[in-house]
Amino acid sequence: MKGVRSMMPMNKMMFLSLFLIFAIFSVSFAESKNYCHDKESWKEWDALVEKNPNDSEVQALHALRIGLCVKVDRGEITLEKATEIFESAREAIVEKRKLDEKREKDRQKL
């Protein structure tokens, strides 16, 4: 149990940092500007993916962003629809991480 407790600050820190990152990167679609061709936002995403190679949720959001940008560029969906899809996925991941953190705290109380 000692090992789990020592990991909690790191898990909490990781959760908070990823929450903030997801909030920041959600702006990629949330504003009216199309960030699909914004080199700086892609650099930030690439850095996030590189820093978290084993985080399936980061990888999934990155892949979703790529796919949504392709669909927007092809005219298959609007930027607004892409924003809606991306935000829905991001919010689901944030909520899942909050729930996971709560479960971890509850387990430690036992």
PDB file of N, CA and C in Angstrom:
ATOM      1  N   MET A   1       0.810  -1.192   0.000  1.00  0.00           N
ATOM      2  CA  MET A   1       0.000   0.000   0.000  1.00  0.00           C
ATOM      3  C   MET A   1       0.856   1.260   0.000  1.00  0.00           C
ATOM      4  N   LYS A   2       2.016   1.156   0.562  1.00  0.00           N
ATOM      5  CA  LYS A   2       2.908   2.312   0.622  1.00  0.00           C
ATOM      6  C   LYS A   2       3.239   2.820  -0.785  1.00  0.00           C
ATOM      7  N   GLY A   3       3.481   1.903  -1.723  1.00  0.00           N
ATOM      8  CA  GLY A   3       3.807   2.292  -3.090  1.00  0.00           C
ATOM      9  C   GLY A   3       2.682   3.046  -3.763  1.00  0.00           C
ATOM     10  N   VAL A   4       1.435   2.634  -3.498  1.00  0.00           N
ATOM     11  CA  VAL A   4       0.284   3.308  -4.090  1.00  0.00           C
ATOM     12  C   VAL A   4       0.171   4.728  -3.574  1.00  0.00           C
ATOM     13  N   ARG A   5       0.372   4.901  -2.276  1.00  0.00           N
ATOM     14  CA  ARG A   5       0.290   6.242  -1.711  1.00  0.00           C
ATOM     15  C   ARG A   5       1.355   7.158  -2.288  1.00  0.00           C
ATOM     16  N   SER A   6       2.536   6.625  -2.498  1.00  0.00           N
ATOM     17  CA  SER A   6       3.607   7.479  -3.023  1.00  0.00           C
ATOM     18  C   SER A   6       3.338   7.865  -4.463  1.00  0.00           C
ATOM     19  N   MET A   7       2.500   7.106  -5.161  1.00  0.00           N
ATOM     20  CA  MET A   7       2.174   7.421  -6.550  1.00  0.00           C
ATOM     21  C   MET A   7       1.075   8.470  -6.653  1.00  0.00           C
ATOM     22  N   MET A   8       0.266   8.636  -5.630  1.00  0.00           N
ATOM     23  CA  MET A   8      -0.866   9.541  -5.712  1.00  0.00           C
ATOM     24  C   MET A   8      -0.495  10.971  -6.102  1.00  0.00           C
ATOM     25  N   PRO A   9       0.514  11.582  -5.494  1.00  0.00           N
ATOM     26  CA  PRO A   9       0.823  12.942  -5.930  1.00  0.00           C
ATOM     27  C   PRO A   9       1.136  13.003  -7.422  1.00  0.00           C
ATOM     28  N   MET A  10       1.834  11.996  -7.934  1.00  0.00           N
ATOM     29  CA  MET A  10       2.158  11.974  -9.356  1.00  0.00           C
ATOM     30  C   MET A  10       0.879  11.795 -10.173  1.00  0.00           C
ATOM     31  N   ASN A  11      -0.013  10.885  -9.730  1.00  0.00           N
ATOM     32  CA  ASN A  11      -1.264  10.690 -10.450  1.00  0.00           C
ATOM     33  C   ASN A  11      -2.092  11.966 -10.442  1.00  0.00           C
ATOM     34  N   LYS A  12      -2.170  12.621  -9.298  1.00  0.00           N
ATOM     35  CA  LYS A  12      -2.935  13.854  -9.185  1.00  0.00           C
ATOM     36  C   LYS A  12      -2.314  14.933 -10.070  1.00  0.00           C
ATOM     37  N   MET A  13      -0.999  15.018 -10.030  1.00  0.00           N
ATOM     38  CA  MET A  13      -0.312  16.004 -10.850  1.00  0.00           C
ATOM     39  C   MET A  13      -0.538  15.716 -12.333  1.00  0.00           C
ATOM     40  N   MET A  14      -0.458  14.443 -12.703  1.00  0.00           N
ATOM     41  CA  MET A  14      -0.667  14.061 -14.091  1.00  0.00           C
ATOM     42  C   MET A  14      -2.104  14.378 -14.502  1.00  0.00           C
ATOM     43  N   PHE A  15      -3.060  14.062 -13.624  1.00  0.00           N
ATOM     44  CA  PHE A  15      -4.450  14.355 -13.928  1.00  0.00           C
ATOM     45  C   PHE A  15      -4.642  15.850 -14.158  1.00  0.00           C
ATOM     46  N   LEU A  16      -4.136  16.652 -13.234  1.00  0.00           N
ATOM     47  CA  LEU A  16      -4.308  18.095 -13.350  1.00  0.00           C
ATOM     48  C   LEU A  16      -3.631  18.645 -14.597  1.00  0.00           C
ATOM     49  N   SER A  17      -2.430  18.171 -14.872  1.00  0.00           N
ATOM     50  CA  SER A  17      -1.725  18.676 -16.050  1.00  0.00           C
ATOM     51  C   SER A  17      -2.444  18.270 -17.334  1.00  0.00           C
ATOM     52  N   LEU A  18      -2.909  17.017 -17.388  1.00  0.00           N
ATOM     53  CA  LEU A  18      -3.621  16.583 -18.588  1.00  0.00           C
ATOM     54  C   LEU A  18      -4.960  17.306 -18.718  1.00  0.00           C
ATOM     55  N   PHE A  19      -5.616  17.552 -17.580  1.00  0.00           N
ATOM     56  CA  PHE A  19      -6.868  18.304 -17.611  1.00  0.00           C
ATOM     57  C   PHE A  19      -6.633  19.685 -18.210  1.00  0.00           C
ATOM     58  N   LEU A  20      -5.592  20.350 -17.751  1.00  0.00           N
ATOM     59  CA  LEU A  20      -5.281  21.676 -18.272  1.00  0.00           C
ATOM     60  C   LEU A  20      -4.889  21.618 -19.739  1.00  0.00           C
ATOM     61  N   ILE A  21      -4.104  20.609 -20.094  1.00  0.00           N
ATOM     62  CA  ILE A  21      -3.691  20.459 -21.488  1.00  0.00           C
ATOM     63  C   ILE A  21      -4.905  20.235 -22.371  1.00  0.00           C
ATOM     64  N   PHE A  22      -5.802  19.340 -21.942  1.00  0.00           N
ATOM     65  CA  PHE A  22      -7.001  19.089 -22.732  1.00  0.00           C
ATOM     66  C   PHE A  22      -7.839  20.347 -22.854  1.00  0.00           C
ATOM     67  N   ALA A  23      -7.899  21.117 -21.778  1.00  0.00           N
ATOM     68  CA  ALA A  23      -8.671  22.358 -21.825  1.00  0.00           C
ATOM     69  C   ALA A  23      -8.038  23.338 -22.809  1.00  0.00           C
ATOM     70  N   ILE A  24      -6.734  23.432 -22.776  1.00  0.00           N
ATOM     71  CA  ILE A  24      -6.031  24.333 -23.692  1.00  0.00           C
ATOM     72  C   ILE A  24      -6.171  23.859 -25.130  1.00  0.00           C
ATOM     73  N   PHE A  25      -5.971  22.557 -25.344  1.00  0.00           N
ATOM     74  CA  PHE A  25      -6.025  22.046 -26.707  1.00  0.00           C
ATOM     75  C   PHE A  25      -7.436  22.017 -27.255  1.00  0.00           C
ATOM     76  N   SER A  26      -8.425  22.033 -26.382  1.00  0.00           N
ATOM     77  CA  SER A  26      -9.793  22.068 -26.882  1.00  0.00           C
ATOM     78  C   SER A  26     -10.036  23.358 -27.647  1.00  0.00           C
ATOM     79  N   VAL A  27      -9.266  24.389 -27.335  1.00  0.00           N
ATOM     80  CA  VAL A  27      -9.374  25.653 -28.052  1.00  0.00           C
ATOM     81  C   VAL A  27      -9.044  25.442 -29.526  1.00  0.00           C
ATOM     82  N   SER A  28      -8.290  24.399 -29.842  1.00  0.00           N
ATOM     83  CA  SER A  28      -7.958  24.118 -31.231  1.00  0.00           C
ATOM     84  C   SER A  28      -9.207  24.051 -32.092  1.00  0.00           C
ATOM     85  N   PHE A  29     -10.291  23.535 -31.533  1.00  0.00           N
ATOM     86  CA  PHE A  29     -11.532  23.476 -32.283  1.00  0.00           C
ATOM     87  C   PHE A  29     -12.572  24.457 -31.763  1.00  0.00           C
ATOM     88  N   ALA A  30     -12.454  24.870 -30.505  1.00  0.00           N
ATOM     89  CA  ALA A  30     -13.524  25.636 -29.875  1.00  0.00           C
ATOM     90  C   ALA A  30     -13.692  27.035 -30.445  1.00  0.00           C
ATOM     91  N   GLU A  31     -12.646  27.647 -30.902  1.00  0.00           N
ATOM     92  CA  GLU A  31     -12.758  28.984 -31.464  1.00  0.00           C
ATOM     93  C   GLU A  31     -13.146  28.878 -32.933  1.00  0.00           C
ATOM     94  N   SER A  32     -13.586  29.971 -33.503  1.00  0.00           N
ATOM     95  CA  SER A  32     -14.038  29.941 -34.894  1.00  0.00           C
ATOM     96  C   SER A  32     -12.872  29.755 -35.865  1.00  0.00           C
ATOM     97  N   LYS A  33     -11.672  30.062 -35.441  1.00  0.00           N
ATOM     98  CA  LYS A  33     -10.506  29.876 -36.300  1.00  0.00           C
ATOM     99  C   LYS A  33     -10.250  28.382 -36.495  1.00  0.00           C
ATOM    100  N   ASN A  34      -9.919  28.016 -37.702  1.00  0.00           N
ATOM    101  CA  ASN A  34      -9.608  26.618 -38.013  1.00  0.00           C
ATOM    102  C   ASN A  34      -8.137  26.373 -37.709  1.00  0.00           C
ATOM    103  N   TYR A  35      -7.874  25.606 -36.654  1.00  0.00           N
ATOM    104  CA  TYR A  35      -6.510  25.324 -36.238  1.00  0.00           C
ATOM    105  C   TYR A  35      -5.918  24.092 -36.925  1.00  0.00           C
ATOM    106  N   CYS A  36      -6.643  23.506 -37.830  1.00  0.00           N
ATOM    107  CA  CYS A  36      -6.152  22.293 -38.488  1.00  0.00           C
ATOM    108  C   CYS A  36      -4.846  22.524 -39.250  1.00  0.00           C
ATOM    109  N   HIS A  37      -4.602  23.753 -39.645  1.00  0.00           N
ATOM    110  CA  HIS A  37      -3.375  24.064 -40.379  1.00  0.00           C
ATOM    111  C   HIS A  37      -2.428  24.953 -39.577  1.00  0.00           C
ATOM    112  N   ASP A  38      -2.675  25.038 -38.280  1.00  0.00           N
ATOM    113  CA  ASP A  38      -1.852  25.857 -37.392  1.00  0.00           C
ATOM    114  C   ASP A  38      -0.643  25.046 -36.922  1.00  0.00           C
ATOM    115  N   LYS A  39       0.530  25.409 -37.408  1.00  0.00           N
ATOM    116  CA  LYS A  39       1.746  24.648 -37.107  1.00  0.00           C
ATOM    117  C   LYS A  39       2.059  24.615 -35.615  1.00  0.00           C
ATOM    118  N   GLU A  40       1.817  25.708 -34.918  1.00  0.00           N
ATOM    119  CA  GLU A  40       2.114  25.748 -33.481  1.00  0.00           C
ATOM    120  C   GLU A  40       1.234  24.783 -32.693  1.00  0.00           C
ATOM    121  N   SER A  41      -0.047  24.728 -33.015  1.00  0.00           N
ATOM    122  CA  SER A  41      -0.918  23.812 -32.278  1.00  0.00           C
ATOM    123  C   SER A  41      -0.549  22.358 -32.568  1.00  0.00           C
ATOM    124  N   TRP A  42      -0.113  22.069 -33.791  1.00  0.00           N
ATOM    125  CA  TRP A  42       0.335  20.699 -34.101  1.00  0.00           C
ATOM    126  C   TRP A  42       1.622  20.369 -33.359  1.00  0.00           C
ATOM    127  N   LYS A  43       2.511  21.349 -33.223  1.00  0.00           N
ATOM    128  CA  LYS A  43       3.741  21.112 -32.449  1.00  0.00           C
ATOM    129  C   LYS A  43       3.402  20.779 -31.007  1.00  0.00           C
ATOM    130  N   GLU A  44       2.440  21.502 -30.445  1.00  0.00           N
ATOM    131  CA  GLU A  44       2.023  21.242 -29.067  1.00  0.00           C
ATOM    132  C   GLU A  44       1.412  19.847 -28.932  1.00  0.00           C
ATOM    133  N   TRP A  45       0.579  19.467 -29.892  1.00  0.00           N
ATOM    134  CA  TRP A  45      -0.007  18.130 -29.854  1.00  0.00           C
ATOM    135  C   TRP A  45       1.062  17.054 -30.005  1.00  0.00           C
ATOM    136  N   ASP A  46       1.984  17.268 -30.925  1.00  0.00           N
ATOM    137  CA  ASP A  46       3.067  16.296 -31.122  1.00  0.00           C
ATOM    138  C   ASP A  46       3.904  16.143 -29.855  1.00  0.00           C
ATOM    139  N   ALA A  47       4.169  17.237 -29.161  1.00  0.00           N
ATOM    140  CA  ALA A  47       4.921  17.184 -27.908  1.00  0.00           C
ATOM    141  C   ALA A  47       4.138  16.430 -26.843  1.00  0.00           C
ATOM    142  N   LEU A  48       2.845  16.668 -26.777  1.00  0.00           N
ATOM    143  CA  LEU A  48       2.006  15.977 -25.806  1.00  0.00           C
ATOM    144  C   LEU A  48       1.998  14.470 -26.068  1.00  0.00           C
ATOM    145  N   VAL A  49       1.871  14.093 -27.320  1.00  0.00           N
ATOM    146  CA  VAL A  49       1.859  12.681 -27.690  1.00  0.00           C
ATOM    147  C   VAL A  49       3.205  12.036 -27.375  1.00  0.00           C
ATOM    148  N   GLU A  50       4.282  12.751 -27.672  1.00  0.00           N
ATOM    149  CA  GLU A  50       5.620  12.225 -27.398  1.00  0.00           C
ATOM    150  C   GLU A  50       5.861  12.070 -25.898  1.00  0.00           C
ATOM    151  N   LYS A  51       5.359  13.007 -25.129  1.00  0.00           N
ATOM    152  CA  LYS A  51       5.536  12.972 -23.677  1.00  0.00           C
ATOM    153  C   LYS A  51       4.686  11.884 -23.021  1.00  0.00           C
ATOM    154  N   ASN A  52       3.595  11.489 -23.667  1.00  0.00           N
ATOM    155  CA  ASN A  52       2.660  10.512 -23.107  1.00  0.00           C
ATOM    156  C   ASN A  52       2.402   9.373 -24.087  1.00  0.00           C
ATOM    157  N   PRO A  53       3.448   8.641 -24.487  1.00  0.00           N
ATOM    158  CA  PRO A  53       3.277   7.618 -25.526  1.00  0.00           C
ATOM    159  C   PRO A  53       2.380   6.455 -25.106  1.00  0.00           C
ATOM    160  N   ASN A  54       2.253   6.208 -23.811  1.00  0.00           N
ATOM    161  CA  ASN A  54       1.449   5.085 -23.345  1.00  0.00           C
ATOM    162  C   ASN A  54       0.079   5.499 -22.829  1.00  0.00           C
ATOM    163  N   ASP A  55      -0.274   6.752 -22.990  1.00  0.00           N
ATOM    164  CA  ASP A  55      -1.572   7.238 -22.548  1.00  0.00           C
ATOM    165  C   ASP A  55      -2.561   7.098 -23.702  1.00  0.00           C
ATOM    166  N   SER A  56      -3.383   6.070 -23.612  1.00  0.00           N
ATOM    167  CA  SER A  56      -4.327   5.771 -24.698  1.00  0.00           C
ATOM    168  C   SER A  56      -5.288   6.916 -24.959  1.00  0.00           C
ATOM    169  N   GLU A  57      -5.650   7.633 -23.911  1.00  0.00           N
ATOM    170  CA  GLU A  57      -6.610   8.710 -24.087  1.00  0.00           C
ATOM    171  C   GLU A  57      -6.001   9.903 -24.821  1.00  0.00           C
ATOM    172  N   VAL A  58      -4.757  10.211 -24.524  1.00  0.00           N
ATOM    173  CA  VAL A  58      -4.065  11.275 -25.262  1.00  0.00           C
ATOM    174  C   VAL A  58      -3.921  10.852 -26.719  1.00  0.00           C
ATOM    175  N   GLN A  59      -3.525   9.599 -26.934  1.00  0.00           N
ATOM    176  CA  GLN A  59      -3.370   9.094 -28.299  1.00  0.00           C
ATOM    177  C   GLN A  59      -4.695   9.136 -29.048  1.00  0.00           C
ATOM    178  N   ALA A  60      -5.774   8.777 -28.366  1.00  0.00           N
ATOM    179  CA  ALA A  60      -7.092   8.774 -29.009  1.00  0.00           C
ATOM    180  C   ALA A  60      -7.530  10.189 -29.396  1.00  0.00           C
ATOM    181  N   LEU A  61      -7.314  11.152 -28.498  1.00  0.00           N
ATOM    182  CA  LEU A  61      -7.678  12.530 -28.830  1.00  0.00           C
ATOM    183  C   LEU A  61      -6.847  13.062 -29.994  1.00  0.00           C
ATOM    184  N   HIS A  62      -5.580  12.700 -30.009  1.00  0.00           N
ATOM    185  CA  HIS A  62      -4.707  13.125 -31.102  1.00  0.00           C
ATOM    186  C   HIS A  62      -5.194  12.538 -32.429  1.00  0.00           C
ATOM    187  N   ALA A  63      -5.502  11.253 -32.417  1.00  0.00           N
ATOM    188  CA  ALA A  63      -5.995  10.595 -33.631  1.00  0.00           C
ATOM    189  C   ALA A  63      -7.339  11.193 -34.062  1.00  0.00           C
ATOM    190  N   LEU A  64      -8.191  11.478 -33.090  1.00  0.00           N
ATOM    191  CA  LEU A  64      -9.477  12.088 -33.401  1.00  0.00           C
ATOM    192  C   LEU A  64      -9.277  13.459 -34.041  1.00  0.00           C
ATOM    193  N   ARG A  65      -8.359  14.228 -33.499  1.00  0.00           N
ATOM    194  CA  ARG A  65      -8.079  15.561 -34.053  1.00  0.00           C
ATOM    195  C   ARG A  65      -7.605  15.450 -35.499  1.00  0.00           C
ATOM    196  N   ILE A  66      -6.697  14.509 -35.740  1.00  0.00           N
ATOM    197  CA  ILE A  66      -6.197  14.302 -37.109  1.00  0.00           C
ATOM    198  C   ILE A  66      -7.354  13.967 -38.044  1.00  0.00           C
ATOM    199  N   GLY A  67      -8.160  13.000 -37.634  1.00  0.00           N
ATOM    200  CA  GLY A  67      -9.282  12.573 -38.478  1.00  0.00           C
ATOM    201  C   GLY A  67     -10.303  13.666 -38.710  1.00  0.00           C
ATOM    202  N   LEU A  68     -10.605  14.416 -37.660  1.00  0.00           N
ATOM    203  CA  LEU A  68     -11.572  15.503 -37.814  1.00  0.00           C
ATOM    204  C   LEU A  68     -11.046  16.583 -38.756  1.00  0.00           C
ATOM    205  N   CYS A  69      -9.762  16.878 -38.645  1.00  0.00           N
ATOM    206  CA  CYS A  69      -9.175  17.873 -39.547  1.00  0.00           C
ATOM    207  C   CYS A  69      -9.245  17.407 -40.997  1.00  0.00           C
ATOM    208  N   VAL A  70      -8.997  16.127 -41.228  1.00  0.00           N
ATOM    209  CA  VAL A  70      -9.101  15.589 -42.590  1.00  0.00           C
ATOM    210  C   VAL A  70     -10.528  15.755 -43.106  1.00  0.00           C
ATOM    211  N   LYS A  71     -11.493  15.410 -42.277  1.00  0.00           N
ATOM    212  CA  LYS A  71     -12.892  15.514 -42.690  1.00  0.00           C
ATOM    213  C   LYS A  71     -13.316  16.966 -42.931  1.00  0.00           C
ATOM    214  N   VAL A  72     -12.823  17.882 -42.103  1.00  0.00           N
ATOM    215  CA  VAL A  72     -13.122  19.303 -42.318  1.00  0.00           C
ATOM    216  C   VAL A  72     -12.501  19.761 -43.628  1.00  0.00           C
ATOM    217  N   ASP A  73     -11.246  19.385 -43.866  1.00  0.00           N
ATOM    218  CA  ASP A  73     -10.562  19.788 -45.101  1.00  0.00           C
ATOM    219  C   ASP A  73     -11.266  19.249 -46.347  1.00  0.00           C
ATOM    220  N   ARG A  74     -11.810  18.046 -46.245  1.00  0.00           N
ATOM    221  CA  ARG A  74     -12.521  17.447 -47.378  1.00  0.00           C
ATOM    222  C   ARG A  74     -13.930  18.022 -47.548  1.00  0.00           C
ATOM    223  N   GLY A  75     -14.364  18.782 -46.574  1.00  0.00           N
ATOM    224  CA  GLY A  75     -15.714  19.333 -46.628  1.00  0.00           C
ATOM    225  C   GLY A  75     -16.781  18.334 -46.232  1.00  0.00           C
ATOM    226  N   GLU A  76     -16.369  17.243 -45.582  1.00  0.00           N
ATOM    227  CA  GLU A  76     -17.320  16.203 -45.188  1.00  0.00           C
ATOM    228  C   GLU A  76     -18.116  16.590 -43.942  1.00  0.00           C
ATOM    229  N   ILE A  77     -17.501  17.402 -43.072  1.00  0.00           N
ATOM    230  CA  ILE A  77     -18.193  17.920 -41.896  1.00  0.00           C
ATOM    231  C   ILE A  77     -17.772  19.383 -41.718  1.00  0.00           C
ATOM    232  N   THR A  78     -18.587  20.109 -41.005  1.00  0.00           N
ATOM    233  CA  THR A  78     -18.258  21.509 -40.740  1.00  0.00           C
ATOM    234  C   THR A  78     -17.281  21.590 -39.567  1.00  0.00           C
ATOM    235  N   LEU A  79     -16.633  22.727 -39.456  1.00  0.00           N
ATOM    236  CA  LEU A  79     -15.748  22.966 -38.325  1.00  0.00           C
ATOM    237  C   LEU A  79     -16.548  22.914 -37.022  1.00  0.00           C
ATOM    238  N   GLU A  80     -17.760  23.422 -37.065  1.00  0.00           N
ATOM    239  CA  GLU A  80     -18.612  23.401 -35.865  1.00  0.00           C
ATOM    240  C   GLU A  80     -18.914  21.971 -35.437  1.00  0.00           C
ATOM    241  N   LYS A  81     -19.201  21.082 -36.392  1.00  0.00           N
ATOM    242  CA  LYS A  81     -19.475  19.677 -36.070  1.00  0.00           C
ATOM    243  C   LYS A  81     -18.211  19.011 -35.536  1.00  0.00           C
ATOM    244  N   ALA A  82     -17.073  19.319 -36.124  1.00  0.00           N
ATOM    245  CA  ALA A  82     -15.797  18.773 -35.642  1.00  0.00           C
ATOM    246  C   ALA A  82     -15.551  19.217 -34.208  1.00  0.00           C
ATOM    247  N   THR A  83     -15.854  20.477 -33.931  1.00  0.00           N
ATOM    248  CA  THR A  83     -15.699  21.010 -32.578  1.00  0.00           C
ATOM    249  C   THR A  83     -16.580  20.242 -31.606  1.00  0.00           C
ATOM    250  N   GLU A  84     -17.813  20.019 -31.980  1.00  0.00           N
ATOM    251  CA  GLU A  84     -18.768  19.298 -31.132  1.00  0.00           C
ATOM    252  C   GLU A  84     -18.267  17.879 -30.839  1.00  0.00           C
ATOM    253  N   ILE A  85     -17.802  17.196 -31.850  1.00  0.00           N
ATOM    254  CA  ILE A  85     -17.311  15.820 -31.689  1.00  0.00           C
ATOM    255  C   ILE A  85     -16.083  15.798 -30.792  1.00  0.00           C
ATOM    256  N   PHE A  86     -15.129  16.688 -31.061  1.00  0.00           N
ATOM    257  CA  PHE A  86     -13.895  16.714 -30.286  1.00  0.00           C
ATOM    258  C   PHE A  86     -14.172  17.050 -28.827  1.00  0.00           C
ATOM    259  N   GLU A  87     -14.993  18.071 -28.603  1.00  0.00           N
ATOM    260  CA  GLU A  87     -15.298  18.490 -27.229  1.00  0.00           C
ATOM    261  C   GLU A  87     -16.015  17.398 -26.463  1.00  0.00           C
ATOM    262  N   SER A  88     -16.895  16.683 -27.118  1.00  0.00           N
ATOM    263  CA  SER A  88     -17.602  15.580 -26.474  1.00  0.00           C
ATOM    264  C   SER A  88     -16.615  14.505 -26.024  1.00  0.00           C
ATOM    265  N   ALA A  89     -15.676  14.159 -26.880  1.00  0.00           N
ATOM    266  CA  ALA A  89     -14.665  13.152 -26.540  1.00  0.00           C
ATOM    267  C   ALA A  89     -13.752  13.650 -25.428  1.00  0.00           C
ATOM    268  N   ARG A  90     -13.330  14.896 -25.521  1.00  0.00           N
ATOM    269  CA  ARG A  90     -12.445  15.460 -24.500  1.00  0.00           C
ATOM    270  C   ARG A  90     -13.134  15.484 -23.144  1.00  0.00           C
ATOM    271  N   GLU A  91     -14.377  15.930 -23.122  1.00  0.00           N
ATOM    272  CA  GLU A  91     -15.120  15.994 -21.868  1.00  0.00           C
ATOM    273  C   GLU A  91     -15.312  14.609 -21.262  1.00  0.00           C
ATOM    274  N   ALA A  92     -15.562  13.614 -22.099  1.00  0.00           N
ATOM    275  CA  ALA A  92     -15.721  12.242 -21.610  1.00  0.00           C
ATOM    276  C   ALA A  92     -14.430  11.750 -20.959  1.00  0.00           C
ATOM    277  N   ILE A  93     -13.303  12.067 -21.544  1.00  0.00           N
ATOM    278  CA  ILE A  93     -12.013  11.655 -20.988  1.00  0.00           C
ATOM    279  C   ILE A  93     -11.740  12.365 -19.671  1.00  0.00           C
ATOM    280  N   VAL A  94     -12.027  13.645 -19.612  1.00  0.00           N
ATOM    281  CA  VAL A  94     -11.816  14.396 -18.373  1.00  0.00           C
ATOM    282  C   VAL A  94     -12.695  13.817 -17.267  1.00  0.00           C
ATOM    283  N   GLU A  95     -13.944  13.540 -17.576  1.00  0.00           N
ATOM    284  CA  GLU A  95     -14.850  12.968 -16.572  1.00  0.00           C
ATOM    285  C   GLU A  95     -14.384  11.587 -16.131  1.00  0.00           C
ATOM    286  N   LYS A  96     -13.903  10.776 -17.064  1.00  0.00           N
ATOM    287  CA  LYS A  96     -13.389   9.450 -16.725  1.00  0.00           C
ATOM    288  C   LYS A  96     -12.198   9.560 -15.786  1.00  0.00           C
ATOM    289  N   ARG A  97     -11.308  10.502 -16.069  1.00  0.00           N
ATOM    290  CA  ARG A  97     -10.135  10.677 -15.211  1.00  0.00           C
ATOM    291  C   ARG A  97     -10.520  11.167 -13.821  1.00  0.00           C
ATOM    292  N   LYS A  98     -11.521  12.017 -13.745  1.00  0.00           N
ATOM    293  CA  LYS A  98     -12.007  12.461 -12.436  1.00  0.00           C
ATOM    294  C   LYS A  98     -12.564  11.279 -11.652  1.00  0.00           C
ATOM    295  N   LEU A  99     -13.349  10.452 -12.321  1.00  0.00           N
ATOM    296  CA  LEU A  99     -13.928   9.279 -11.679  1.00  0.00           C
ATOM    297  C   LEU A  99     -12.846   8.303 -11.238  1.00  0.00           C
ATOM    298  N   ASP A 100     -11.850   8.088 -12.086  1.00  0.00           N
ATOM    299  CA  ASP A 100     -10.729   7.207 -11.731  1.00  0.00           C
ATOM    300  C   ASP A 100      -9.994   7.721 -10.500  1.00  0.00           C
ATOM    301  N   GLU A 101      -9.788   9.033 -10.437  1.00  0.00           N
ATOM    302  CA  GLU A 101      -9.098   9.620  -9.292  1.00  0.00           C
ATOM    303  C   GLU A 101      -9.928   9.445  -8.023  1.00  0.00           C
ATOM    304  N   LYS A 102     -11.230   9.640  -8.129  1.00  0.00           N
ATOM    305  CA  LYS A 102     -12.113   9.467  -6.972  1.00  0.00           C
ATOM    306  C   LYS A 102     -12.074   8.018  -6.492  1.00  0.00           C
ATOM    307  N   ARG A 103     -12.146   7.082  -7.415  1.00  0.00           N
ATOM    308  CA  ARG A 103     -12.086   5.655  -7.051  1.00  0.00           C
ATOM    309  C   ARG A 103     -10.771   5.322  -6.356  1.00  0.00           C
ATOM    310  N   GLU A 104      -9.690   5.899  -6.843  1.00  0.00           N
ATOM    311  CA  GLU A 104      -8.379   5.657  -6.245  1.00  0.00           C
ATOM    312  C   GLU A 104      -8.339   6.196  -4.818  1.00  0.00           C
ATOM    313  N   LYS A 105      -8.882   7.373  -4.615  1.00  0.00           N
ATOM    314  CA  LYS A 105      -8.935   7.956  -3.269  1.00  0.00           C
ATOM    315  C   LYS A 105      -9.780   7.097  -2.348  1.00  0.00           C
ATOM    316  N   ASP A 106     -10.923   6.634  -2.853  1.00  0.00           N
ATOM    317  CA  ASP A 106     -11.804   5.785  -2.057  1.00  0.00           C
ATOM    318  C   ASP A 106     -11.122   4.474  -1.680  1.00  0.00           C
ATOM    319  N   ARG A 107     -10.360   3.906  -2.602  1.00  0.00           N
ATOM    320  CA  ARG A 107      -9.635   2.660  -2.335  1.00  0.00           C
ATOM    321  C   ARG A 107      -8.583   2.850  -1.255  1.00  0.00           C
ATOM    322  N   GLN A 108      -7.957   3.992  -1.261  1.00  0.00           N
ATOM    323  CA  GLN A 108      -6.909   4.261  -0.273  1.00  0.00           C
ATOM    324  C   GLN A 108      -7.493   4.433   1.119  1.00  0.00           C
ATOM    325  N   LYS A 109      -8.739   4.842   1.202  1.00  0.00           N
ATOM    326  CA  LYS A 109      -9.383   5.019   2.504  1.00  0.00           C
ATOM    327  C   LYS A 109      -9.655   3.682   3.187  1.00  0.00           C
ATOM    328  N   LEU A 110      -9.750   2.629   2.384  1.00  0.00           N
ATOM    329  CA  LEU A 110     -10.074   1.305   2.947  1.00  0.00           C
ATOM    330  C   LEU A 110      -8.958   0.748   3.777  1.00  0.00           C
TER     331      LEU A 110
END
